[in-house]
Amino acid sequence: MIGEETPPRLTTGRALRHLLMTSRPLSWINTAYPFGAAWLLAGGGVDATFWVGCLFFLIPYNLAMYGINDVFDYESDLRNPRKGGLEGDVLDRRMHRPVLAAAALTCAPFVVWLVAVGGIAVVPVLAVSLFAVVAYSAKGLRFKEVPFLDSVTSSTHFSSPAWVGLAALGAWPSAAGWCGLVAFFLWGTASQAFGAVQDVGPDREAGIASIATVLGARATVWVSFVGYAAAGVSALGSGPVLRWAALGAVPYLVSVARFLNVTDETAADAHRGWTTFLWLNYLVGFGVTMLLFLHSGLIPLP
């Protein structure tokens, strides 16, 4: 049509860039790390399955999780000023089917390997993990539009890799391990809730519900604040060394506290808190890693 802008040609390079950006490279470590940590803490070695699992949860899993999200959130993403960079791609319509196909094809061999190694015990855990990946965004399910279920499902994305590692080894958490796993799950729910606040405007314009659009920005920030506090309390029971990970909740609490009085009209200001959250993950993650080294004896206690 006359006056209609012609989209740029979808070259191989452009297509690969879309695949990379939609997988959120900045967040790859958030899902690979739990698998690797759980695997090693439960007695697994640095063997082929360790690397296969880490690679699966590093790239293909994130391509599936965020790719499905970008396909089904396309209309909302068009209205969202923070999309189009490290925080998510505005996925070219011509890439929707290729992204879904790439996600399925790259995940399949890793899933087969993990089931072959871990046996029947891995199947239900992997099934829950991958179902959560699809159900969060896909049309007909859209768990992301059900308040509280959206936060629980999102946290399942990040905590389930640890469960896959445990299931593949046939390991069961100790009481201290349960405290650590619960703390991580609560961290995930709090993080998703806070992340939804900044998108109140674009989501409402696109007719997308979320915990933040339903509860309102201020109430959702309070939910996030309480979630981080509960995560810190739970971490206190994770053992004489790992209980110090409870201190990791403090910077998140301080960051979120800046937005406890945010309104729906000023919800976009919470984006500053989200950018802080992104680099806090690396800082706190480094501290937790040092504690894991101390716990495992790789770093001797003084």
C-alpha atoms as a PDB file:
ATOM      1  CA  MET A   1       0.000   0.000   0.000  1.00  0.00           C
ATOM      2  CA  ILE A   2       1.112   3.562  -0.732  1.00  0.00           C
ATOM      3  CA  GLY A   3       2.644   5.196   2.337  1.00  0.00           C
ATOM      4  CA  GLU A   4       3.109   1.919   4.204  1.00  0.00           C
ATOM      5  CA  GLU A   5       6.664   1.421   5.428  1.00  0.00           C
ATOM      6  CA  THR A   6       8.383  -1.639   3.991  1.00  0.00           C
ATOM      7  CA  PRO A   7      10.106  -3.686   6.706  1.00  0.00           C
ATOM      8  CA  PRO A   8      13.821  -4.340   6.234  1.00  0.00           C
ATOM      9  CA  ARG A   9      14.749  -7.559   4.501  1.00  0.00           C
ATOM     10  CA  LEU A  10      15.006 -10.436   6.944  1.00  0.00           C
ATOM     11  CA  THR A  11      18.588 -11.528   6.333  1.00  0.00           C
ATOM     12  CA  THR A  12      20.246 -14.461   8.058  1.00  0.00           C
ATOM     13  CA  GLY A  13      22.216 -12.045  10.219  1.00  0.00           C
ATOM     14  CA  ARG A  14      19.067 -10.187  11.262  1.00  0.00           C
ATOM     15  CA  ALA A  15      17.287 -13.452  12.022  1.00  0.00           C
ATOM     16  CA  LEU A  16      20.182 -14.672  14.186  1.00  0.00           C
ATOM     17  CA  ARG A  17      20.206 -11.351  16.007  1.00  0.00           C
ATOM     18  CA  HIS A  18      16.503 -11.768  16.783  1.00  0.00           C
ATOM     19  CA  LEU A  19      17.142 -15.268  18.137  1.00  0.00           C
ATOM     20  CA  LEU A  20      19.962 -13.983  20.320  1.00  0.00           C
ATOM     21  CA  MET A  21      18.142 -10.942  21.659  1.00  0.00           C
ATOM     22  CA  THR A  22      14.902 -12.770  22.335  1.00  0.00           C
ATOM     23  CA  SER A  23      16.794 -15.276  24.518  1.00  0.00           C
ATOM     24  CA  ARG A  24      17.894 -12.454  26.888  1.00  0.00           C
ATOM     25  CA  PRO A  25      21.652 -13.170  27.163  1.00  0.00           C
ATOM     26  CA  LEU A  26      21.855 -11.000  30.282  1.00  0.00           C
ATOM     27  CA  SER A  27      19.633 -13.517  32.087  1.00  0.00           C
ATOM     28  CA  TRP A  28      21.084 -16.803  30.821  1.00  0.00           C
ATOM     29  CA  ILE A  29      22.998 -17.409  34.035  1.00  0.00           C
ATOM     30  CA  ASN A  30      19.805 -17.178  36.131  1.00  0.00           C
ATOM     31  CA  THR A  31      18.661 -20.607  34.951  1.00  0.00           C
ATOM     32  CA  ALA A  32      21.957 -22.387  34.267  1.00  0.00           C
ATOM     33  CA  TYR A  33      23.361 -21.540  37.701  1.00  0.00           C
ATOM     34  CA  PRO A  34      20.599 -23.293  39.744  1.00  0.00           C
ATOM     35  CA  PHE A  35      21.050 -26.522  37.799  1.00  0.00           C
ATOM     36  CA  GLY A  36      24.826 -26.496  38.145  1.00  0.00           C
ATOM     37  CA  ALA A  37      24.770 -25.564  41.827  1.00  0.00           C
ATOM     38  CA  ALA A  38      22.152 -28.184  42.733  1.00  0.00           C
ATOM     39  CA  TRP A  39      23.974 -30.843  40.721  1.00  0.00           C
ATOM     40  CA  LEU A  40      27.320 -30.231  42.436  1.00  0.00           C
ATOM     41  CA  LEU A  41      25.887 -29.779  45.941  1.00  0.00           C
ATOM     42  CA  ALA A  42      23.961 -33.047  45.606  1.00  0.00           C
ATOM     43  CA  GLY A  43      27.157 -34.931  44.816  1.00  0.00           C
ATOM     44  CA  GLY A  44      27.272 -34.803  41.037  1.00  0.00           C
ATOM     45  CA  GLY A  45      30.600 -34.401  39.292  1.00  0.00           C
ATOM     46  CA  VAL A  46      31.772 -32.107  36.529  1.00  0.00           C
ATOM     47  CA  ASP A  47      30.843 -34.707  33.933  1.00  0.00           C
ATOM     48  CA  ALA A  48      29.041 -34.723  30.589  1.00  0.00           C
ATOM     49  CA  THR A  49      25.576 -34.417  32.138  1.00  0.00           C
ATOM     50  CA  PHE A  50      26.680 -31.439  34.210  1.00  0.00           C
ATOM     51  CA  TRP A  51      27.737 -29.605  31.050  1.00  0.00           C
ATOM     52  CA  VAL A  52      24.718 -30.755  29.042  1.00  0.00           C
ATOM     53  CA  GLY A  53      22.348 -29.551  31.752  1.00  0.00           C
ATOM     54  CA  CYS A  54      24.141 -26.244  32.201  1.00  0.00           C
ATOM     55  CA  LEU A  55      24.173 -25.609  28.452  1.00  0.00           C
ATOM     56  CA  PHE A  56      20.487 -26.534  28.139  1.00  0.00           C
ATOM     57  CA  PHE A  57      19.426 -24.148  30.873  1.00  0.00           C
ATOM     58  CA  LEU A  58      21.860 -21.501  29.658  1.00  0.00           C
ATOM     59  CA  ILE A  59      20.609 -21.009  26.072  1.00  0.00           C
ATOM     60  CA  PRO A  60      17.858 -23.302  24.644  1.00  0.00           C
ATOM     61  CA  TYR A  61      15.712 -23.040  27.778  1.00  0.00           C
ATOM     62  CA  ASN A  62      15.929 -19.250  27.735  1.00  0.00           C
ATOM     63  CA  LEU A  63      15.221 -19.133  24.009  1.00  0.00           C
ATOM     64  CA  ALA A  64      12.059 -21.136  24.658  1.00  0.00           C
ATOM     65  CA  MET A  65      10.980 -19.172  27.708  1.00  0.00           C
ATOM     66  CA  TYR A  66      11.556 -15.676  26.375  1.00  0.00           C
ATOM     67  CA  GLY A  67      10.903 -16.518  22.733  1.00  0.00           C
ATOM     68  CA  ILE A  68       7.396 -17.773  23.501  1.00  0.00           C
ATOM     69  CA  ASN A  69       6.876 -14.665  25.598  1.00  0.00           C
ATOM     70  CA  ASP A  70       7.991 -12.317  22.822  1.00  0.00           C
ATOM     71  CA  VAL A  71       5.757 -14.026  20.268  1.00  0.00           C
ATOM     72  CA  PHE A  72       2.599 -13.807  22.344  1.00  0.00           C
ATOM     73  CA  ASP A  73       3.386 -10.405  23.908  1.00  0.00           C
ATOM     74  CA  TYR A  74       4.090  -8.762  20.563  1.00  0.00           C
ATOM     75  CA  GLU A  75       1.290  -6.171  20.807  1.00  0.00           C
ATOM     76  CA  SER A  76       2.317  -5.152  24.309  1.00  0.00           C
ATOM     77  CA  ASP A  77       6.002  -5.011  23.411  1.00  0.00           C
ATOM     78  CA  LEU A  78       5.263  -2.565  20.583  1.00  0.00           C
ATOM     79  CA  ARG A  79       3.994  -0.137  23.237  1.00  0.00           C
ATOM     80  CA  ASN A  80       6.794  -0.785  25.702  1.00  0.00           C
ATOM     81  CA  PRO A  81       9.695   1.699  25.479  1.00  0.00           C
ATOM     82  CA  ARG A  82      12.147  -0.620  27.261  1.00  0.00           C
ATOM     83  CA  LYS A  83      11.839  -3.351  24.623  1.00  0.00           C
ATOM     84  CA  GLY A  84      14.214  -3.618  21.723  1.00  0.00           C
ATOM     85  CA  GLY A  85      17.459  -4.087  23.631  1.00  0.00           C
ATOM     86  CA  LEU A  86      18.949  -6.142  26.447  1.00  0.00           C
ATOM     87  CA  GLU A  87      15.601  -6.284  28.257  1.00  0.00           C
ATOM     88  CA  GLY A  88      13.788  -7.959  25.411  1.00  0.00           C
ATOM     89  CA  ASP A  89      13.274  -7.874  21.696  1.00  0.00           C
ATOM     90  CA  VAL A  90      10.346  -6.483  19.747  1.00  0.00           C
ATOM     91  CA  LEU A  91      10.197  -9.628  17.690  1.00  0.00           C
ATOM     92  CA  ASP A  92       9.638  -9.158  13.959  1.00  0.00           C
ATOM     93  CA  ARG A  93       6.364 -10.876  13.030  1.00  0.00           C
ATOM     94  CA  ARG A  94       8.212 -12.852  10.363  1.00  0.00           C
ATOM     95  CA  MET A  95      10.333 -14.376  13.148  1.00  0.00           C
ATOM     96  CA  HIS A  96       7.445 -15.685  15.253  1.00  0.00           C
ATOM     97  CA  ARG A  97       7.273 -19.154  13.728  1.00  0.00           C
ATOM     98  CA  PRO A  98      11.058 -19.530  13.333  1.00  0.00           C
ATOM     99  CA  VAL A  99      11.588 -18.619  16.988  1.00  0.00           C
ATOM    100  CA  LEU A 100       9.045 -21.189  18.183  1.00  0.00           C
ATOM    101  CA  ALA A 101      10.555 -23.816  15.896  1.00  0.00           C
ATOM    102  CA  ALA A 102      14.103 -22.992  17.009  1.00  0.00           C
ATOM    103  CA  ALA A 103      13.080 -23.220  20.658  1.00  0.00           C
ATOM    104  CA  ALA A 104      11.555 -26.678  20.176  1.00  0.00           C
ATOM    105  CA  LEU A 105      14.403 -28.007  18.077  1.00  0.00           C
ATOM    106  CA  THR A 106      17.204 -26.784  20.340  1.00  0.00           C
ATOM    107  CA  CYS A 107      15.528 -28.021  23.530  1.00  0.00           C
ATOM    108  CA  ALA A 108      14.658 -31.509  22.271  1.00  0.00           C
ATOM    109  CA  PRO A 109      18.110 -33.201  22.288  1.00  0.00           C
ATOM    110  CA  PHE A 110      18.917 -31.870  25.769  1.00  0.00           C
ATOM    111  CA  VAL A 111      15.609 -33.128  27.136  1.00  0.00           C
ATOM    112  CA  VAL A 112      16.283 -36.571  25.622  1.00  0.00           C
ATOM    113  CA  TRP A 113      19.750 -36.667  27.224  1.00  0.00           C
ATOM    114  CA  LEU A 114      18.508 -35.664  30.681  1.00  0.00           C
ATOM    115  CA  VAL A 115      15.702 -38.217  30.604  1.00  0.00           C
ATOM    116  CA  ALA A 116      18.076 -40.930  29.369  1.00  0.00           C
ATOM    117  CA  VAL A 117      20.521 -40.179  32.194  1.00  0.00           C
ATOM    118  CA  GLY A 118      18.075 -39.486  34.999  1.00  0.00           C
ATOM    119  CA  GLY A 119      15.376 -41.972  34.095  1.00  0.00           C
ATOM    120  CA  ILE A 120      11.717 -41.739  34.991  1.00  0.00           C
ATOM    121  CA  ALA A 121      12.377 -39.498  38.012  1.00  0.00           C
ATOM    122  CA  VAL A 122      13.369 -36.622  35.700  1.00  0.00           C
ATOM    123  CA  VAL A 123      10.233 -36.789  33.541  1.00  0.00           C
ATOM    124  CA  PRO A 124       7.693 -35.120  35.881  1.00  0.00           C
ATOM    125  CA  VAL A 125      10.167 -32.439  36.956  1.00  0.00           C
ATOM    126  CA  LEU A 126      11.135 -31.569  33.395  1.00  0.00           C
ATOM    127  CA  ALA A 127       7.464 -31.697  32.401  1.00  0.00           C
ATOM    128  CA  VAL A 128       6.533 -29.151  35.070  1.00  0.00           C
ATOM    129  CA  SER A 129       9.467 -26.942  34.121  1.00  0.00           C
ATOM    130  CA  LEU A 130       8.690 -26.927  30.398  1.00  0.00           C
ATOM    131  CA  PHE A 131       4.943 -26.639  30.967  1.00  0.00           C
ATOM    132  CA  ALA A 132       5.590 -23.507  33.038  1.00  0.00           C
ATOM    133  CA  VAL A 133       7.708 -22.107  30.201  1.00  0.00           C
ATOM    134  CA  VAL A 134       4.842 -22.558  27.734  1.00  0.00           C
ATOM    135  CA  ALA A 135       1.923 -21.798  30.047  1.00  0.00           C
ATOM    136  CA  TYR A 136       3.275 -18.449  31.187  1.00  0.00           C
ATOM    137  CA  SER A 137       2.801 -16.800  27.794  1.00  0.00           C
ATOM    138  CA  ALA A 138       1.091 -19.070  25.259  1.00  0.00           C
ATOM    139  CA  LYS A 139      -2.384 -18.270  24.013  1.00  0.00           C
ATOM    140  CA  GLY A 140      -5.065 -20.318  25.745  1.00  0.00           C
ATOM    141  CA  LEU A 141      -3.047 -20.598  28.965  1.00  0.00           C
ATOM    142  CA  ARG A 142      -1.505 -17.180  29.691  1.00  0.00           C
ATOM    143  CA  PHE A 143      -0.637 -17.820  33.342  1.00  0.00           C
ATOM    144  CA  LYS A 144       1.113 -14.449  33.275  1.00  0.00           C
ATOM    145  CA  GLU A 145      -2.343 -12.849  33.237  1.00  0.00           C
ATOM    146  CA  VAL A 146      -3.511 -14.559  36.438  1.00  0.00           C
ATOM    147  CA  PRO A 147      -2.421 -12.555  39.496  1.00  0.00           C
ATOM    148  CA  PHE A 148      -0.119 -14.482  41.840  1.00  0.00           C
ATOM    149  CA  LEU A 149      -0.111 -17.468  39.481  1.00  0.00           C
ATOM    150  CA  ASP A 150       2.024 -15.320  37.191  1.00  0.00           C
ATOM    151  CA  SER A 151       4.625 -14.831  39.919  1.00  0.00           C
ATOM    152  CA  VAL A 152       4.544 -18.500  40.949  1.00  0.00           C
ATOM    153  CA  THR A 153       4.924 -19.672  37.348  1.00  0.00           C
ATOM    154  CA  SER A 154       7.782 -17.264  36.684  1.00  0.00           C
ATOM    155  CA  SER A 155       9.583 -18.429  39.796  1.00  0.00           C
ATOM    156  CA  THR A 156       9.112 -22.015  38.633  1.00  0.00           C
ATOM    157  CA  HIS A 157      11.097 -21.065  35.510  1.00  0.00           C
ATOM    158  CA  PHE A 158      14.110 -20.184  37.640  1.00  0.00           C
ATOM    159  CA  SER A 159      13.863 -22.719  40.464  1.00  0.00           C
ATOM    160  CA  SER A 160      12.937 -25.822  38.453  1.00  0.00           C
ATOM    161  CA  PRO A 161      16.424 -26.255  36.906  1.00  0.00           C
ATOM    162  CA  ALA A 162      17.678 -27.013  40.416  1.00  0.00           C
ATOM    163  CA  TRP A 163      14.988 -29.666  40.784  1.00  0.00           C
ATOM    164  CA  VAL A 164      15.944 -31.182  37.448  1.00  0.00           C
ATOM    165  CA  GLY A 165      19.513 -31.505  38.695  1.00  0.00           C
ATOM    166  CA  LEU A 166      18.380 -33.176  41.906  1.00  0.00           C
ATOM    167  CA  ALA A 167      16.002 -35.509  40.076  1.00  0.00           C
ATOM    168  CA  ALA A 168      18.674 -36.553  37.577  1.00  0.00           C
ATOM    169  CA  LEU A 169      20.875 -37.593  40.508  1.00  0.00           C
ATOM    170  CA  GLY A 170      18.045 -39.192  42.458  1.00  0.00           C
ATOM    171  CA  ALA A 171      18.796 -36.841  45.357  1.00  0.00           C
ATOM    172  CA  TRP A 172      16.362 -35.458  47.925  1.00  0.00           C
ATOM    173  CA  PRO A 173      16.962 -32.169  49.798  1.00  0.00           C
ATOM    174  CA  SER A 174      17.865 -32.098  53.459  1.00  0.00           C
ATOM    175  CA  ALA A 175      15.971 -29.788  55.825  1.00  0.00           C
ATOM    176  CA  ALA A 176      18.611 -27.108  55.232  1.00  0.00           C
ATOM    177  CA  GLY A 177      18.355 -27.734  51.498  1.00  0.00           C
ATOM    178  CA  TRP A 178      14.600 -27.193  51.635  1.00  0.00           C
ATOM    179  CA  CYS A 179      15.141 -23.817  53.290  1.00  0.00           C
ATOM    180  CA  GLY A 180      17.521 -22.799  50.535  1.00  0.00           C
ATOM    181  CA  LEU A 181      15.169 -23.952  47.787  1.00  0.00           C
ATOM    182  CA  VAL A 182      12.194 -22.179  49.362  1.00  0.00           C
ATOM    183  CA  ALA A 183      14.254 -18.997  49.722  1.00  0.00           C
ATOM    184  CA  PHE A 184      15.174 -19.143  46.042  1.00  0.00           C
ATOM    185  CA  PHE A 185      11.536 -19.714  45.045  1.00  0.00           C
ATOM    186  CA  LEU A 186      10.376 -16.750  47.136  1.00  0.00           C
ATOM    187  CA  TRP A 187      13.108 -14.614  45.575  1.00  0.00           C
ATOM    188  CA  GLY A 188      11.734 -15.563  42.161  1.00  0.00           C
ATOM    189  CA  THR A 189       8.136 -14.665  43.003  1.00  0.00           C
ATOM    190  CA  ALA A 190       9.206 -11.332  44.470  1.00  0.00           C
ATOM    191  CA  SER A 191      11.335 -10.539  41.428  1.00  0.00           C
ATOM    192  CA  GLN A 192       8.560 -11.270  38.943  1.00  0.00           C
ATOM    193  CA  ALA A 193       6.091  -9.157  40.878  1.00  0.00           C
ATOM    194  CA  PHE A 194       8.422  -6.186  40.994  1.00  0.00           C
ATOM    195  CA  GLY A 195       9.308  -6.578  37.324  1.00  0.00           C
ATOM    196  CA  ALA A 196       5.619  -6.383  36.399  1.00  0.00           C
ATOM    197  CA  VAL A 197       5.227  -2.943  38.005  1.00  0.00           C
ATOM    198  CA  GLN A 198       7.183  -1.059  35.357  1.00  0.00           C
ATOM    199  CA  ASP A 199       4.929  -2.459  32.610  1.00  0.00           C
ATOM    200  CA  VAL A 200       1.568  -1.435  34.092  1.00  0.00           C
ATOM    201  CA  GLY A 201       1.004   1.206  31.399  1.00  0.00           C
ATOM    202  CA  PRO A 202       1.922  -0.827  28.288  1.00  0.00           C
ATOM    203  CA  ASP A 203       0.164  -3.934  29.614  1.00  0.00           C
ATOM    204  CA  ARG A 204      -3.083  -2.083  30.275  1.00  0.00           C
ATOM    205  CA  GLU A 205      -2.959  -0.444  26.855  1.00  0.00           C
ATOM    206  CA  ALA A 206      -2.583  -3.884  25.271  1.00  0.00           C
ATOM    207  CA  GLY A 207      -5.317  -5.406  27.460  1.00  0.00           C
ATOM    208  CA  ILE A 208      -2.870  -7.701  29.258  1.00  0.00           C
ATOM    209  CA  ALA A 209      -3.522  -8.500  32.898  1.00  0.00           C
ATOM    210  CA  SER A 210      -0.774  -9.110  35.459  1.00  0.00           C
ATOM    211  CA  ILE A 211      -0.313  -9.058  39.190  1.00  0.00           C
ATOM    212  CA  ALA A 212       0.568  -5.365  38.860  1.00  0.00           C
ATOM    213  CA  THR A 213      -2.332  -4.335  36.603  1.00  0.00           C
ATOM    214  CA  VAL A 214      -4.830  -6.105  38.885  1.00  0.00           C
ATOM    215  CA  LEU A 215      -3.447  -5.215  42.326  1.00  0.00           C
ATOM    216  CA  GLY A 216      -2.021  -1.871  41.287  1.00  0.00           C
ATOM    217  CA  ALA A 217       1.580  -0.725  41.268  1.00  0.00           C
ATOM    218  CA  ARG A 218       1.927   0.185  44.944  1.00  0.00           C
ATOM    219  CA  ALA A 219       0.358  -3.001  46.318  1.00  0.00           C
ATOM    220  CA  THR A 220       2.527  -5.091  44.000  1.00  0.00           C
ATOM    221  CA  VAL A 221       5.712  -3.406  45.188  1.00  0.00           C
ATOM    222  CA  TRP A 222       4.689  -4.256  48.740  1.00  0.00           C
ATOM    223  CA  VAL A 223       4.085  -7.883  47.709  1.00  0.00           C
ATOM    224  CA  SER A 224       7.595  -7.936  46.254  1.00  0.00           C
ATOM    225  CA  PHE A 225       9.094  -6.362  49.373  1.00  0.00           C
ATOM    226  CA  VAL A 226       7.462  -8.947  51.642  1.00  0.00           C
ATOM    227  CA  GLY A 227       8.564 -11.730  49.280  1.00  0.00           C
ATOM    228  CA  TYR A 228      12.210 -10.688  49.459  1.00  0.00           C
ATOM    229  CA  ALA A 229      11.992 -10.435  53.248  1.00  0.00           C
ATOM    230  CA  ALA A 230      10.476 -13.927  53.458  1.00  0.00           C
ATOM    231  CA  ALA A 231      13.247 -15.251  51.195  1.00  0.00           C
ATOM    232  CA  GLY A 232      15.848 -13.846  53.575  1.00  0.00           C
ATOM    233  CA  VAL A 233      14.157 -15.432  56.591  1.00  0.00           C
ATOM    234  CA  SER A 234      13.940 -18.805  54.849  1.00  0.00           C
ATOM    235  CA  ALA A 235      17.626 -18.665  53.916  1.00  0.00           C
ATOM    236  CA  LEU A 236      18.514 -18.451  57.615  1.00  0.00           C
ATOM    237  CA  GLY A 237      17.692 -22.141  57.925  1.00  0.00           C
ATOM    238  CA  SER A 238      19.945 -23.302  55.090  1.00  0.00           C
ATOM    239  CA  GLY A 239      22.927 -24.296  57.254  1.00  0.00           C
ATOM    240  CA  PRO A 240      25.766 -22.741  59.260  1.00  0.00           C
ATOM    241  CA  VAL A 241      27.527 -21.376  56.155  1.00  0.00           C
ATOM    242  CA  LEU A 242      24.767 -20.895  53.610  1.00  0.00           C
ATOM    243  CA  ARG A 243      22.530 -19.080  56.090  1.00  0.00           C
ATOM    244  CA  TRP A 244      24.693 -16.032  55.435  1.00  0.00           C
ATOM    245  CA  ALA A 245      23.024 -15.927  52.030  1.00  0.00           C
ATOM    246  CA  ALA A 246      20.117 -14.323  53.895  1.00  0.00           C
ATOM    247  CA  LEU A 247      22.116 -11.097  53.721  1.00  0.00           C
ATOM    248  CA  GLY A 248      21.620 -11.232  49.971  1.00  0.00           C
ATOM    249  CA  ALA A 249      18.008 -10.188  50.507  1.00  0.00           C
ATOM    250  CA  VAL A 250      19.086  -6.854  51.974  1.00  0.00           C
ATOM    251  CA  PRO A 251      20.143  -5.058  48.764  1.00  0.00           C
ATOM    252  CA  TYR A 252      16.922  -6.171  47.049  1.00  0.00           C
ATOM    253  CA  LEU A 253      14.882  -4.854  49.977  1.00  0.00           C
ATOM    254  CA  VAL A 254      16.731  -1.538  49.882  1.00  0.00           C
ATOM    255  CA  SER A 255      16.222  -1.220  46.134  1.00  0.00           C
ATOM    256  CA  VAL A 256      12.521  -2.092  46.201  1.00  0.00           C
ATOM    257  CA  ALA A 257      11.887   0.152  49.220  1.00  0.00           C
ATOM    258  CA  ARG A 258      12.537   3.182  47.015  1.00  0.00           C
ATOM    259  CA  PHE A 259       9.270   2.449  45.188  1.00  0.00           C
ATOM    260  CA  LEU A 260       6.916   1.552  48.046  1.00  0.00           C
ATOM    261  CA  ASN A 261       4.891   4.702  47.369  1.00  0.00           C
ATOM    262  CA  VAL A 262       4.784   4.367  43.586  1.00  0.00           C
ATOM    263  CA  THR A 263       1.399   4.906  41.904  1.00  0.00           C
ATOM    264  CA  ASP A 264      -0.083   3.489  38.730  1.00  0.00           C
ATOM    265  CA  GLU A 265       0.693   6.817  37.062  1.00  0.00           C
ATOM    266  CA  THR A 266       4.367   6.705  38.075  1.00  0.00           C
ATOM    267  CA  ALA A 267       4.784   2.924  37.675  1.00  0.00           C
ATOM    268  CA  ALA A 268       7.269   3.388  34.846  1.00  0.00           C
ATOM    269  CA  ASP A 269       9.694   4.882  37.399  1.00  0.00           C
ATOM    270  CA  ALA A 270      10.122   1.350  38.786  1.00  0.00           C
ATOM    271  CA  HIS A 271      12.232   0.632  35.721  1.00  0.00           C
ATOM    272  CA  ARG A 272      15.130   2.212  37.620  1.00  0.00           C
ATOM    273  CA  GLY A 273      14.672  -0.451  40.248  1.00  0.00           C
ATOM    274  CA  TRP A 274      14.586  -3.154  37.592  1.00  0.00           C
ATOM    275  CA  THR A 275      17.895  -2.061  36.094  1.00  0.00           C
ATOM    276  CA  THR A 276      19.322  -2.172  39.611  1.00  0.00           C
ATOM    277  CA  PHE A 277      17.881  -5.673  39.992  1.00  0.00           C
ATOM    278  CA  LEU A 278      19.707  -6.866  36.870  1.00  0.00           C
ATOM    279  CA  TRP A 279      23.175  -5.988  38.185  1.00  0.00           C
ATOM    280  CA  LEU A 280      22.285  -6.964  41.760  1.00  0.00           C
ATOM    281  CA  ASN A 281      21.774 -10.523  40.511  1.00  0.00           C
ATOM    282  CA  TYR A 282      25.427 -10.694  39.528  1.00  0.00           C
ATOM    283  CA  LEU A 283      26.661  -9.082  42.737  1.00  0.00           C
ATOM    284  CA  VAL A 284      24.548 -11.206  45.070  1.00  0.00           C
ATOM    285  CA  GLY A 285      25.145 -14.270  42.908  1.00  0.00           C
ATOM    286  CA  PHE A 286      28.895 -13.812  43.357  1.00  0.00           C
ATOM    287  CA  GLY A 287      28.458 -13.679  47.125  1.00  0.00           C
ATOM    288  CA  VAL A 288      26.280 -16.803  47.164  1.00  0.00           C
ATOM    289  CA  THR A 289      28.843 -18.585  44.999  1.00  0.00           C
ATOM    290  CA  MET A 290      31.584 -17.821  47.529  1.00  0.00           C
ATOM    291  CA  LEU A 291      29.355 -19.244  50.265  1.00  0.00           C
ATOM    292  CA  LEU A 292      28.781 -22.372  48.192  1.00  0.00           C
ATOM    293  CA  PHE A 293      32.556 -22.760  47.831  1.00  0.00           C
ATOM    294  CA  LEU A 294      32.969 -22.430  51.597  1.00  0.00           C
ATOM    295  CA  HIS A 295      30.119 -24.883  52.211  1.00  0.00           C
ATOM    296  CA  SER A 296      31.620 -27.472  49.850  1.00  0.00           C
ATOM    297  CA  GLY A 297      35.161 -27.050  51.217  1.00  0.00           C
ATOM    298  CA  LEU A 298      36.589 -25.679  47.977  1.00  0.00           C
ATOM    299  CA  ILE A 299      37.525 -22.614  50.027  1.00  0.00           C
ATOM    300  CA  PRO A 300      38.769 -23.573  53.515  1.00  0.00           C
ATOM    301  CA  LEU A 301      37.082 -21.936  56.464  1.00  0.00           C
ATOM    302  CA  PRO A 302      39.382 -19.677  58.515  1.00  0.00           C
END
